[in-house]
Amino acid sequence: MFTRWSVLLFSGAVFVVAAWTAGADKPPADYRAVSGWPTLPDGLKLGGVSAVAVDAADRVYLFHRGKTPILVFDRDGKFLRSWGEGLVKTSHGLRLDRDGHVWTTDIGHHLVMKFDREGKLLLTLGKKDEPGDTPDKFNKPTDVAVGPNGEVYVADGYGNARVVKFSKEGKYLKEWGTKGKGEGQFNLPHAICIDGDGKVYVGDRENNRVQLFDADGKFLAQWKDSGAPYGLFLKGNGQLLVADGRANEVRLLDDQGKPVNRWGAKGTGAGQFQMPHWVAVDAQGALYVAEVTGQRVQKFVLK
């Protein structure tokens, strides 16, 4: 099988990795999967893991479709705490803002919720069990991201085809997007993230592209080498990690959207995936991939 070599930069650590053609069934050569990560509490079994995020102290937050849907671990996989039982119906997206608040999207209750790091509910957007397309209602919102000035962006993706922008207090500001294939249109906006300049990246899943906008929704560009962008993670150097849940791959795009690396294949082995849905990187350069069908999260570190 053909292999080429690339040098990747993760949070200051240089990774030399092999890039495989599609269908590879191993992680890159200088990565290793961390066996047995994380250590689950007795009696707890992961459901489909829809999201993973890492805070400034490398605590790892999992969002899964099972008992106590929000789980928190330290970098070694030691369980720290959990919450969300009775609050969340169907887990989907989870993000952390610059202040360490935890933001979630619940496609079952049609809600976006903001928690503090201990699990106290601070803010709710949307109306529980009332799907809609008005400023105060969502229809199965998929992801949420917080901009550099605290503004909140919601990808309202399964039932609608829009991005909705709110103030940091939760006041509706504006929205953009309609169903379609054109610039600024969406066919399932599934993931969203914001860079330090306020530029908005939207994973337009069923159109197999990532669209870029300014902070007010002006179309800037589209990247078509993303595959099906189920999950997005934007690195500090402008490179974009993509969890392609359809191809069961993780992809890396450069800051112009050009492919740098891709790896993975369908399966249950280390470095194989069953619907990779979310991806994150910690300050040590470790890579976390959440799988819905595989009902697990894999952690990869340098050998």
C-alpha atoms as a PDB file:
ATOM      1  CA  MET A   1       0.000   0.000   0.000  1.00  0.00           C
ATOM      2  CA  PHE A   2       1.271   3.461  -0.931  1.00  0.00           C
ATOM      3  CA  THR A   3       2.442   5.624   1.951  1.00  0.00           C
ATOM      4  CA  ARG A   4       3.627   9.215   2.004  1.00  0.00           C
ATOM      5  CA  TRP A   5       4.988  11.119   4.988  1.00  0.00           C
ATOM      6  CA  SER A   6       3.797  14.393   6.440  1.00  0.00           C
ATOM      7  CA  VAL A   7       4.849  16.530   9.367  1.00  0.00           C
ATOM      8  CA  LEU A   8       1.943  17.757  11.490  1.00  0.00           C
ATOM      9  CA  LEU A   9       1.972  20.273  14.339  1.00  0.00           C
ATOM     10  CA  PHE A  10      -0.333  19.624  17.291  1.00  0.00           C
ATOM     11  CA  SER A  11      -0.203  22.206  20.089  1.00  0.00           C
ATOM     12  CA  GLY A  12       3.536  22.688  19.693  1.00  0.00           C
ATOM     13  CA  ALA A  13       4.452  19.004  19.360  1.00  0.00           C
ATOM     14  CA  VAL A  14       5.749  17.785  16.001  1.00  0.00           C
ATOM     15  CA  PHE A  15       4.163  14.575  14.783  1.00  0.00           C
ATOM     16  CA  VAL A  16       5.691  12.672  11.854  1.00  0.00           C
ATOM     17  CA  VAL A  17       2.931  10.471  10.563  1.00  0.00           C
ATOM     18  CA  ALA A  18       2.241   8.274   7.587  1.00  0.00           C
ATOM     19  CA  ALA A  19      -0.703   9.180   5.416  1.00  0.00           C
ATOM     20  CA  TRP A  20      -2.560   6.183   4.065  1.00  0.00           C
ATOM     21  CA  THR A  21      -4.816   5.935   1.096  1.00  0.00           C
ATOM     22  CA  ALA A  22      -8.498   5.407   1.837  1.00  0.00           C
ATOM     23  CA  GLY A  23      -9.172   2.037   3.411  1.00  0.00           C
ATOM     24  CA  ALA A  24      -6.201   2.001   5.774  1.00  0.00           C
ATOM     25  CA  ASP A  25      -6.945  -0.084   8.856  1.00  0.00           C
ATOM     26  CA  LYS A  26      -4.240   1.251  11.194  1.00  0.00           C
ATOM     27  CA  PRO A  27      -3.467   4.566  12.867  1.00  0.00           C
ATOM     28  CA  PRO A  28      -0.502   6.558  11.517  1.00  0.00           C
ATOM     29  CA  ALA A  29       2.868   4.961  12.184  1.00  0.00           C
ATOM     30  CA  ASP A  30       4.000   7.227  15.023  1.00  0.00           C
ATOM     31  CA  TYR A  31       0.679   7.108  16.855  1.00  0.00           C
ATOM     32  CA  ARG A  32      -0.434   4.416  19.235  1.00  0.00           C
ATOM     33  CA  ALA A  33      -3.885   3.822  20.627  1.00  0.00           C
ATOM     34  CA  VAL A  34      -4.148   3.957  24.414  1.00  0.00           C
ATOM     35  CA  SER A  35      -5.626   0.614  25.407  1.00  0.00           C
ATOM     36  CA  GLY A  36      -8.418   0.647  27.963  1.00  0.00           C
ATOM     37  CA  TRP A  37      -8.957   4.399  27.871  1.00  0.00           C
ATOM     38  CA  PRO A  38     -11.002   5.614  29.724  1.00  0.00           C
ATOM     39  CA  THR A  39     -11.738   3.739  32.964  1.00  0.00           C
ATOM     40  CA  LEU A  40     -15.502   3.753  33.371  1.00  0.00           C
ATOM     41  CA  PRO A  41     -17.242   3.729  36.744  1.00  0.00           C
ATOM     42  CA  ASP A  42     -18.653   0.395  37.837  1.00  0.00           C
ATOM     43  CA  GLY A  43     -21.987  -0.316  36.203  1.00  0.00           C
ATOM     44  CA  LEU A  44     -21.639   2.318  33.496  1.00  0.00           C
ATOM     45  CA  LYS A  45     -21.547   1.356  29.832  1.00  0.00           C
ATOM     46  CA  LEU A  46     -21.052   3.849  27.042  1.00  0.00           C
ATOM     47  CA  GLY A  47     -23.815   4.384  24.561  1.00  0.00           C
ATOM     48  CA  GLY A  48     -23.084   5.994  21.240  1.00  0.00           C
ATOM     49  CA  VAL A  49     -20.462   8.656  21.919  1.00  0.00           C
ATOM     50  CA  SER A  50     -21.576  11.678  19.932  1.00  0.00           C
ATOM     51  CA  ALA A  51     -18.998  14.248  21.098  1.00  0.00           C
ATOM     52  CA  VAL A  52     -15.680  14.731  22.858  1.00  0.00           C
ATOM     53  CA  ALA A  53     -13.978  17.948  24.031  1.00  0.00           C
ATOM     54  CA  VAL A  54     -10.926  18.824  26.115  1.00  0.00           C
ATOM     55  CA  ASP A  55     -10.515  21.756  28.496  1.00  0.00           C
ATOM     56  CA  ALA A  56      -7.422  23.819  29.325  1.00  0.00           C
ATOM     57  CA  ALA A  57      -6.365  21.324  32.012  1.00  0.00           C
ATOM     58  CA  ASP A  58      -6.721  18.387  29.594  1.00  0.00           C
ATOM     59  CA  ARG A  59      -9.853  17.105  31.285  1.00  0.00           C
ATOM     60  CA  VAL A  60     -11.847  15.173  28.691  1.00  0.00           C
ATOM     61  CA  TYR A  61     -15.616  15.578  28.364  1.00  0.00           C
ATOM     62  CA  LEU A  62     -17.652  12.852  26.670  1.00  0.00           C
ATOM     63  CA  PHE A  63     -21.250  13.205  25.518  1.00  0.00           C
ATOM     64  CA  HIS A  64     -22.896   9.839  25.037  1.00  0.00           C
ATOM     65  CA  ARG A  65     -26.305   8.272  24.563  1.00  0.00           C
ATOM     66  CA  GLY A  66     -26.496   6.398  27.823  1.00  0.00           C
ATOM     67  CA  LYS A  67     -26.817   6.843  31.559  1.00  0.00           C
ATOM     68  CA  THR A  68     -25.485  10.188  32.833  1.00  0.00           C
ATOM     69  CA  PRO A  69     -24.770  11.548  29.345  1.00  0.00           C
ATOM     70  CA  ILE A  70     -21.937  13.966  30.252  1.00  0.00           C
ATOM     71  CA  LEU A  71     -18.835  12.225  31.610  1.00  0.00           C
ATOM     72  CA  VAL A  72     -15.586  13.894  32.643  1.00  0.00           C
ATOM     73  CA  PHE A  73     -12.166  12.191  32.868  1.00  0.00           C
ATOM     74  CA  ASP A  74      -8.622  13.335  33.478  1.00  0.00           C
ATOM     75  CA  ARG A  75      -6.042  12.863  30.712  1.00  0.00           C
ATOM     76  CA  ASP A  76      -5.169   9.400  32.055  1.00  0.00           C
ATOM     77  CA  GLY A  77      -8.770   8.265  31.794  1.00  0.00           C
ATOM     78  CA  LYS A  78      -9.632   8.468  35.496  1.00  0.00           C
ATOM     79  CA  PHE A  79     -13.315   9.224  36.013  1.00  0.00           C
ATOM     80  CA  LEU A  80     -13.963  12.586  37.695  1.00  0.00           C
ATOM     81  CA  ARG A  81     -17.678  13.363  37.546  1.00  0.00           C
ATOM     82  CA  SER A  82     -20.841  13.159  35.463  1.00  0.00           C
ATOM     83  CA  TRP A  83     -24.213  14.826  35.013  1.00  0.00           C
ATOM     84  CA  GLY A  84     -27.149  15.228  32.664  1.00  0.00           C
ATOM     85  CA  GLU A  85     -29.389  12.357  33.720  1.00  0.00           C
ATOM     86  CA  GLY A  86     -32.970  13.488  33.162  1.00  0.00           C
ATOM     87  CA  LEU A  87     -31.894  16.659  31.347  1.00  0.00           C
ATOM     88  CA  VAL A  88     -30.729  15.272  28.009  1.00  0.00           C
ATOM     89  CA  LYS A  89     -32.853  13.122  25.729  1.00  0.00           C
ATOM     90  CA  THR A  90     -30.542  12.500  22.753  1.00  0.00           C
ATOM     91  CA  SER A  91     -26.932  13.640  22.984  1.00  0.00           C
ATOM     92  CA  HIS A  92     -25.325  15.269  19.968  1.00  0.00           C
ATOM     93  CA  GLY A  93     -22.808  18.135  20.144  1.00  0.00           C
ATOM     94  CA  LEU A  94     -20.607  19.290  23.026  1.00  0.00           C
ATOM     95  CA  ARG A  95     -18.180  22.224  23.070  1.00  0.00           C
ATOM     96  CA  LEU A  96     -16.237  24.141  25.714  1.00  0.00           C
ATOM     97  CA  ASP A  97     -15.880  27.910  25.634  1.00  0.00           C
ATOM     98  CA  ARG A  98     -12.864  29.961  26.709  1.00  0.00           C
ATOM     99  CA  ASP A  99     -14.176  30.210  30.268  1.00  0.00           C
ATOM    100  CA  GLY A 100     -14.591  26.464  30.634  1.00  0.00           C
ATOM    101  CA  HIS A 101     -18.365  26.411  30.276  1.00  0.00           C
ATOM    102  CA  VAL A 102     -19.863  23.290  28.724  1.00  0.00           C
ATOM    103  CA  TRP A 103     -22.303  23.761  25.829  1.00  0.00           C
ATOM    104  CA  THR A 104     -24.444  20.912  24.515  1.00  0.00           C
ATOM    105  CA  THR A 105     -27.016  20.284  21.816  1.00  0.00           C
ATOM    106  CA  ASP A 106     -29.842  17.842  22.417  1.00  0.00           C
ATOM    107  CA  ILE A 107     -31.568  16.716  19.240  1.00  0.00           C
ATOM    108  CA  GLY A 108     -34.256  14.909  21.251  1.00  0.00           C
ATOM    109  CA  HIS A 109     -35.490  17.911  23.250  1.00  0.00           C
ATOM    110  CA  HIS A 110     -34.465  20.491  20.564  1.00  0.00           C
ATOM    111  CA  LEU A 111     -32.340  22.405  23.076  1.00  0.00           C
ATOM    112  CA  VAL A 112     -28.967  24.075  23.480  1.00  0.00           C
ATOM    113  CA  MET A 113     -27.768  24.114  27.095  1.00  0.00           C
ATOM    114  CA  LYS A 114     -24.878  25.840  28.857  1.00  0.00           C
ATOM    115  CA  PHE A 115     -23.426  24.366  32.065  1.00  0.00           C
ATOM    116  CA  ASP A 116     -20.609  25.313  34.363  1.00  0.00           C
ATOM    117  CA  ARG A 117     -17.770  22.794  34.652  1.00  0.00           C
ATOM    118  CA  GLU A 118     -19.455  21.114  37.635  1.00  0.00           C
ATOM    119  CA  GLY A 119     -22.726  20.590  35.790  1.00  0.00           C
ATOM    120  CA  LYS A 120     -24.880  23.501  36.981  1.00  0.00           C
ATOM    121  CA  LEU A 121     -27.293  24.580  34.255  1.00  0.00           C
ATOM    122  CA  LEU A 122     -26.717  28.254  33.431  1.00  0.00           C
ATOM    123  CA  LEU A 123     -28.639  28.916  30.206  1.00  0.00           C
ATOM    124  CA  THR A 124     -31.089  27.157  27.906  1.00  0.00           C
ATOM    125  CA  LEU A 125     -31.819  28.133  24.305  1.00  0.00           C
ATOM    126  CA  GLY A 126     -34.821  26.730  22.489  1.00  0.00           C
ATOM    127  CA  LYS A 127     -38.079  25.341  23.851  1.00  0.00           C
ATOM    128  CA  LYS A 128     -38.166  21.827  25.188  1.00  0.00           C
ATOM    129  CA  ASP A 129     -39.970  19.358  22.926  1.00  0.00           C
ATOM    130  CA  GLU A 130     -41.173  22.166  20.661  1.00  0.00           C
ATOM    131  CA  PRO A 131     -39.385  21.956  17.292  1.00  0.00           C
ATOM    132  CA  GLY A 132     -39.512  25.028  15.102  1.00  0.00           C
ATOM    133  CA  ASP A 133     -37.644  27.509  12.943  1.00  0.00           C
ATOM    134  CA  THR A 134     -38.295  30.736  14.841  1.00  0.00           C
ATOM    135  CA  PRO A 135     -35.731  32.739  16.847  1.00  0.00           C
ATOM    136  CA  ASP A 136     -36.712  30.915  20.039  1.00  0.00           C
ATOM    137  CA  LYS A 137     -37.017  27.375  18.655  1.00  0.00           C
ATOM    138  CA  PHE A 138     -34.711  24.820  17.021  1.00  0.00           C
ATOM    139  CA  ASN A 139     -35.395  21.607  15.152  1.00  0.00           C
ATOM    140  CA  LYS A 140     -32.791  19.046  16.240  1.00  0.00           C
ATOM    141  CA  PRO A 141     -29.808  21.407  16.659  1.00  0.00           C
ATOM    142  CA  THR A 142     -26.548  19.635  15.925  1.00  0.00           C
ATOM    143  CA  ASP A 143     -23.689  21.773  17.287  1.00  0.00           C
ATOM    144  CA  VAL A 144     -22.857  25.014  19.075  1.00  0.00           C
ATOM    145  CA  ALA A 145     -19.753  27.200  19.137  1.00  0.00           C
ATOM    146  CA  VAL A 146     -18.778  30.321  21.061  1.00  0.00           C
ATOM    147  CA  GLY A 147     -16.900  33.135  19.322  1.00  0.00           C
ATOM    148  CA  PRO A 148     -14.020  35.226  20.672  1.00  0.00           C
ATOM    149  CA  ASN A 149     -16.387  37.884  22.055  1.00  0.00           C
ATOM    150  CA  GLY A 150     -18.786  35.385  23.621  1.00  0.00           C
ATOM    151  CA  GLU A 151     -21.298  35.324  20.783  1.00  0.00           C
ATOM    152  CA  VAL A 152     -23.035  31.959  20.362  1.00  0.00           C
ATOM    153  CA  TYR A 153     -23.551  30.166  17.045  1.00  0.00           C
ATOM    154  CA  VAL A 154     -25.914  27.208  16.725  1.00  0.00           C
ATOM    155  CA  ALA A 155     -25.922  24.801  13.786  1.00  0.00           C
ATOM    156  CA  ASP A 156     -29.621  23.992  13.507  1.00  0.00           C
ATOM    157  CA  GLY A 157     -29.148  21.119  11.199  1.00  0.00           C
ATOM    158  CA  TYR A 158     -31.414  18.078  11.148  1.00  0.00           C
ATOM    159  CA  GLY A 159     -34.829  19.697  10.966  1.00  0.00           C
ATOM    160  CA  ASN A 160     -33.680  23.075   9.654  1.00  0.00           C
ATOM    161  CA  ALA A 161     -30.789  24.237   7.454  1.00  0.00           C
ATOM    162  CA  ARG A 162     -29.453  27.328   9.163  1.00  0.00           C
ATOM    163  CA  VAL A 163     -26.944  28.859  11.543  1.00  0.00           C
ATOM    164  CA  VAL A 164     -28.421  30.980  14.337  1.00  0.00           C
ATOM    165  CA  LYS A 165     -26.362  33.648  16.123  1.00  0.00           C
ATOM    166  CA  PHE A 166     -27.015  34.839  19.685  1.00  0.00           C
ATOM    167  CA  SER A 167     -25.361  37.297  22.033  1.00  0.00           C
ATOM    168  CA  LYS A 168     -23.379  35.926  24.971  1.00  0.00           C
ATOM    169  CA  GLU A 169     -26.495  36.496  27.094  1.00  0.00           C
ATOM    170  CA  GLY A 170     -28.586  34.383  24.733  1.00  0.00           C
ATOM    171  CA  LYS A 171     -30.355  37.176  22.836  1.00  0.00           C
ATOM    172  CA  TYR A 172     -31.229  36.316  19.243  1.00  0.00           C
ATOM    173  CA  LEU A 173     -29.166  38.369  16.783  1.00  0.00           C
ATOM    174  CA  LYS A 174     -29.503  36.864  13.310  1.00  0.00           C
ATOM    175  CA  GLU A 175     -29.490  33.704  11.219  1.00  0.00           C
ATOM    176  CA  TRP A 176     -28.499  32.546   7.772  1.00  0.00           C
ATOM    177  CA  GLY A 177     -28.914  29.556   5.507  1.00  0.00           C
ATOM    178  CA  THR A 178     -31.585  27.729   3.546  1.00  0.00           C
ATOM    179  CA  LYS A 179     -31.817  24.184   2.205  1.00  0.00           C
ATOM    180  CA  GLY A 180     -29.758  23.705  -0.941  1.00  0.00           C
ATOM    181  CA  LYS A 181     -26.351  23.259  -2.550  1.00  0.00           C
ATOM    182  CA  GLY A 182     -25.428  26.864  -3.298  1.00  0.00           C
ATOM    183  CA  GLU A 183     -23.040  29.134  -1.470  1.00  0.00           C
ATOM    184  CA  GLY A 184     -24.450  29.831   1.987  1.00  0.00           C
ATOM    185  CA  GLN A 185     -27.030  27.067   1.652  1.00  0.00           C
ATOM    186  CA  PHE A 186     -26.883  23.836   3.634  1.00  0.00           C
ATOM    187  CA  ASN A 187     -27.884  20.219   3.479  1.00  0.00           C
ATOM    188  CA  LEU A 188     -27.510  19.285   7.123  1.00  0.00           C
ATOM    189  CA  PRO A 189     -25.151  21.731   8.837  1.00  0.00           C
ATOM    190  CA  HIS A 190     -23.775  19.162  11.288  1.00  0.00           C
ATOM    191  CA  ALA A 191     -20.754  20.790  12.949  1.00  0.00           C
ATOM    192  CA  ILE A 192     -19.570  24.322  13.629  1.00  0.00           C
ATOM    193  CA  CYS A 193     -16.428  25.943  15.028  1.00  0.00           C
ATOM    194  CA  ILE A 194     -14.996  29.463  15.266  1.00  0.00           C
ATOM    195  CA  ASP A 195     -11.392  30.635  14.872  1.00  0.00           C
ATOM    196  CA  GLY A 196      -9.698  33.378  16.881  1.00  0.00           C
ATOM    197  CA  ASP A 197     -10.666  36.007  14.315  1.00  0.00           C
ATOM    198  CA  GLY A 198     -14.331  35.096  14.510  1.00  0.00           C
ATOM    199  CA  LYS A 199     -14.446  33.216  11.210  1.00  0.00           C
ATOM    200  CA  VAL A 200     -17.156  30.542  11.212  1.00  0.00           C
ATOM    201  CA  TYR A 201     -16.554  27.025   9.829  1.00  0.00           C
ATOM    202  CA  VAL A 202     -19.659  24.935   9.132  1.00  0.00           C
ATOM    203  CA  GLY A 203     -19.559  21.231   8.316  1.00  0.00           C
ATOM    204  CA  ASP A 204     -22.186  20.963   5.562  1.00  0.00           C
ATOM    205  CA  ARG A 205     -22.467  17.208   5.880  1.00  0.00           C
ATOM    206  CA  GLU A 206     -24.699  16.027   3.062  1.00  0.00           C
ATOM    207  CA  ASN A 207     -23.076  18.493   0.637  1.00  0.00           C
ATOM    208  CA  ASN A 208     -19.661  16.991   1.500  1.00  0.00           C
ATOM    209  CA  ARG A 209     -17.997  20.320   2.208  1.00  0.00           C
ATOM    210  CA  VAL A 210     -16.989  22.826   4.851  1.00  0.00           C
ATOM    211  CA  GLN A 211     -18.245  26.363   4.318  1.00  0.00           C
ATOM    212  CA  LEU A 212     -16.503  29.428   5.772  1.00  0.00           C
ATOM    213  CA  PHE A 213     -18.258  32.647   6.772  1.00  0.00           C
ATOM    214  CA  ASP A 214     -17.422  35.869   8.526  1.00  0.00           C
ATOM    215  CA  ALA A 215     -18.964  36.568  11.919  1.00  0.00           C
ATOM    216  CA  ASP A 216     -22.130  37.977  10.324  1.00  0.00           C
ATOM    217  CA  GLY A 217     -22.713  35.104   7.931  1.00  0.00           C
ATOM    218  CA  LYS A 218     -21.087  36.475   4.777  1.00  0.00           C
ATOM    219  CA  PHE A 219     -19.902  33.583   2.628  1.00  0.00           C
ATOM    220  CA  LEU A 220     -16.117  33.437   2.263  1.00  0.00           C
ATOM    221  CA  ALA A 221     -15.149  30.058   0.838  1.00  0.00           C
ATOM    222  CA  GLN A 222     -15.977  26.374   0.623  1.00  0.00           C
ATOM    223  CA  TRP A 223     -13.622  23.428   1.128  1.00  0.00           C
ATOM    224  CA  LYS A 224     -14.566  20.302  -0.785  1.00  0.00           C
ATOM    225  CA  ASP A 225     -11.883  17.884   0.416  1.00  0.00           C
ATOM    226  CA  SER A 226     -13.557  17.259   3.755  1.00  0.00           C
ATOM    227  CA  GLY A 227     -15.546  14.168   2.903  1.00  0.00           C
ATOM    228  CA  ALA A 228     -18.709  14.085   4.980  1.00  0.00           C
ATOM    229  CA  PRO A 229     -17.874  16.455   7.868  1.00  0.00           C
ATOM    230  CA  TYR A 230     -19.610  14.939  10.873  1.00  0.00           C
ATOM    231  CA  GLY A 231     -17.210  16.537  13.383  1.00  0.00           C
ATOM    232  CA  LEU A 232     -14.785  19.478  13.165  1.00  0.00           C
ATOM    233  CA  PHE A 233     -11.857  20.530  15.336  1.00  0.00           C
ATOM    234  CA  LEU A 234      -9.926  23.667  14.456  1.00  0.00           C
ATOM    235  CA  LYS A 235      -6.279  23.711  15.499  1.00  0.00           C
ATOM    236  CA  GLY A 236      -4.377  26.823  16.481  1.00  0.00           C
ATOM    237  CA  ASN A 237      -2.380  26.893  13.251  1.00  0.00           C
ATOM    238  CA  GLY A 238      -5.531  26.979  11.118  1.00  0.00           C
ATOM    239  CA  GLN A 239      -5.508  23.306  10.192  1.00  0.00           C
ATOM    240  CA  LEU A 240      -8.842  21.531  10.443  1.00  0.00           C
ATOM    241  CA  LEU A 241      -9.450  17.995  11.685  1.00  0.00           C
ATOM    242  CA  VAL A 242     -12.546  16.340  10.256  1.00  0.00           C
ATOM    243  CA  ALA A 243     -14.341  13.219  11.483  1.00  0.00           C
ATOM    244  CA  ASP A 244     -15.835  11.716   8.327  1.00  0.00           C
ATOM    245  CA  GLY A 245     -18.523   9.447   9.706  1.00  0.00           C
ATOM    246  CA  ARG A 246     -19.531   8.103   6.321  1.00  0.00           C
ATOM    247  CA  ALA A 247     -16.065   6.977   5.199  1.00  0.00           C
ATOM    248  CA  ASN A 248     -15.017   6.037   8.759  1.00  0.00           C
ATOM    249  CA  GLU A 249     -11.946   8.258   8.472  1.00  0.00           C
ATOM    250  CA  VAL A 250     -10.228  11.142  10.182  1.00  0.00           C
ATOM    251  CA  ARG A 251      -8.952  13.801   7.791  1.00  0.00           C
ATOM    252  CA  LEU A 252      -6.583  16.734   8.235  1.00  0.00           C
ATOM    253  CA  LEU A 253      -6.922  19.813   6.018  1.00  0.00           C
ATOM    254  CA  ASP A 254      -4.434  22.670   5.888  1.00  0.00           C
ATOM    255  CA  ASP A 255      -5.420  26.299   6.480  1.00  0.00           C
ATOM    256  CA  GLN A 256      -6.547  26.565   2.848  1.00  0.00           C
ATOM    257  CA  GLY A 257      -8.685  23.433   2.998  1.00  0.00           C
ATOM    258  CA  LYS A 258      -6.227  21.226   1.114  1.00  0.00           C
ATOM    259  CA  PRO A 259      -5.781  17.602   2.252  1.00  0.00           C
ATOM    260  CA  VAL A 260      -2.718  16.819   4.366  1.00  0.00           C
ATOM    261  CA  ASN A 261      -3.556  13.441   5.851  1.00  0.00           C
ATOM    262  CA  ARG A 262      -6.336  10.870   6.139  1.00  0.00           C
ATOM    263  CA  TRP A 263      -6.565   7.563   7.924  1.00  0.00           C
ATOM    264  CA  GLY A 264      -9.043   5.005   9.182  1.00  0.00           C
ATOM    265  CA  ALA A 265     -11.392   2.314   7.939  1.00  0.00           C
ATOM    266  CA  LYS A 266     -14.543   0.650   9.177  1.00  0.00           C
ATOM    267  CA  GLY A 267     -13.882  -1.780  11.988  1.00  0.00           C
ATOM    268  CA  THR A 268     -13.436  -2.353  15.687  1.00  0.00           C
ATOM    269  CA  GLY A 269      -9.640  -2.416  15.882  1.00  0.00           C
ATOM    270  CA  ALA A 270      -7.337   0.340  17.071  1.00  0.00           C
ATOM    271  CA  GLY A 271      -7.393   3.106  14.476  1.00  0.00           C
ATOM    272  CA  GLN A 272     -10.505   1.712  12.834  1.00  0.00           C
ATOM    273  CA  PHE A 273     -13.826   3.450  13.321  1.00  0.00           C
ATOM    274  CA  GLN A 274     -17.553   2.898  13.346  1.00  0.00           C
ATOM    275  CA  MET A 275     -19.093   6.276  12.547  1.00  0.00           C
ATOM    276  CA  PRO A 276     -16.504   8.696  13.904  1.00  0.00           C
ATOM    277  CA  HIS A 277     -18.683  11.617  14.922  1.00  0.00           C
ATOM    278  CA  TRP A 278     -16.440  14.060  16.800  1.00  0.00           C
ATOM    279  CA  VAL A 279     -12.725  14.749  17.180  1.00  0.00           C
ATOM    280  CA  ALA A 280     -10.571  16.780  19.585  1.00  0.00           C
ATOM    281  CA  VAL A 281      -6.904  17.355  20.436  1.00  0.00           C
ATOM    282  CA  ASP A 282      -5.488  18.140  23.888  1.00  0.00           C
ATOM    283  CA  ALA A 283      -2.533  20.341  24.867  1.00  0.00           C
ATOM    284  CA  GLN A 284      -0.183  17.341  24.788  1.00  0.00           C
ATOM    285  CA  GLY A 285      -1.113  16.563  21.185  1.00  0.00           C
ATOM    286  CA  ALA A 286      -3.223  13.503  22.017  1.00  0.00           C
ATOM    287  CA  LEU A 287      -6.062  12.879  19.588  1.00  0.00           C
ATOM    288  CA  TYR A 288      -9.539  11.773  20.702  1.00  0.00           C
ATOM    289  CA  VAL A 289     -12.113  10.321  18.300  1.00  0.00           C
ATOM    290  CA  ALA A 290     -15.714   9.696  19.410  1.00  0.00           C
ATOM    291  CA  GLU A 291     -17.720   6.961  17.686  1.00  0.00           C
ATOM    292  CA  VAL A 292     -21.499   6.685  17.671  1.00  0.00           C
ATOM    293  CA  THR A 293     -21.953   3.203  16.203  1.00  0.00           C
ATOM    294  CA  GLY A 294     -18.746   1.971  17.839  1.00  0.00           C
ATOM    295  CA  GLN A 295     -19.945   3.264  21.230  1.00  0.00           C
ATOM    296  CA  ARG A 296     -16.464   4.282  22.291  1.00  0.00           C
ATOM    297  CA  VAL A 297     -13.856   7.007  22.258  1.00  0.00           C
ATOM    298  CA  GLN A 298     -10.327   6.238  21.103  1.00  0.00           C
ATOM    299  CA  LYS A 299      -7.299   8.115  22.386  1.00  0.00           C
ATOM    300  CA  PHE A 300      -4.106   8.236  20.300  1.00  0.00           C
ATOM    301  CA  VAL A 301      -0.703   9.489  21.499  1.00  0.00           C
ATOM    302  CA  LEU A 302       2.804   9.551  20.097  1.00  0.00           C
ATOM    303  CA  LYS A 303       4.774   6.371  20.610  1.00  0.00           C
END
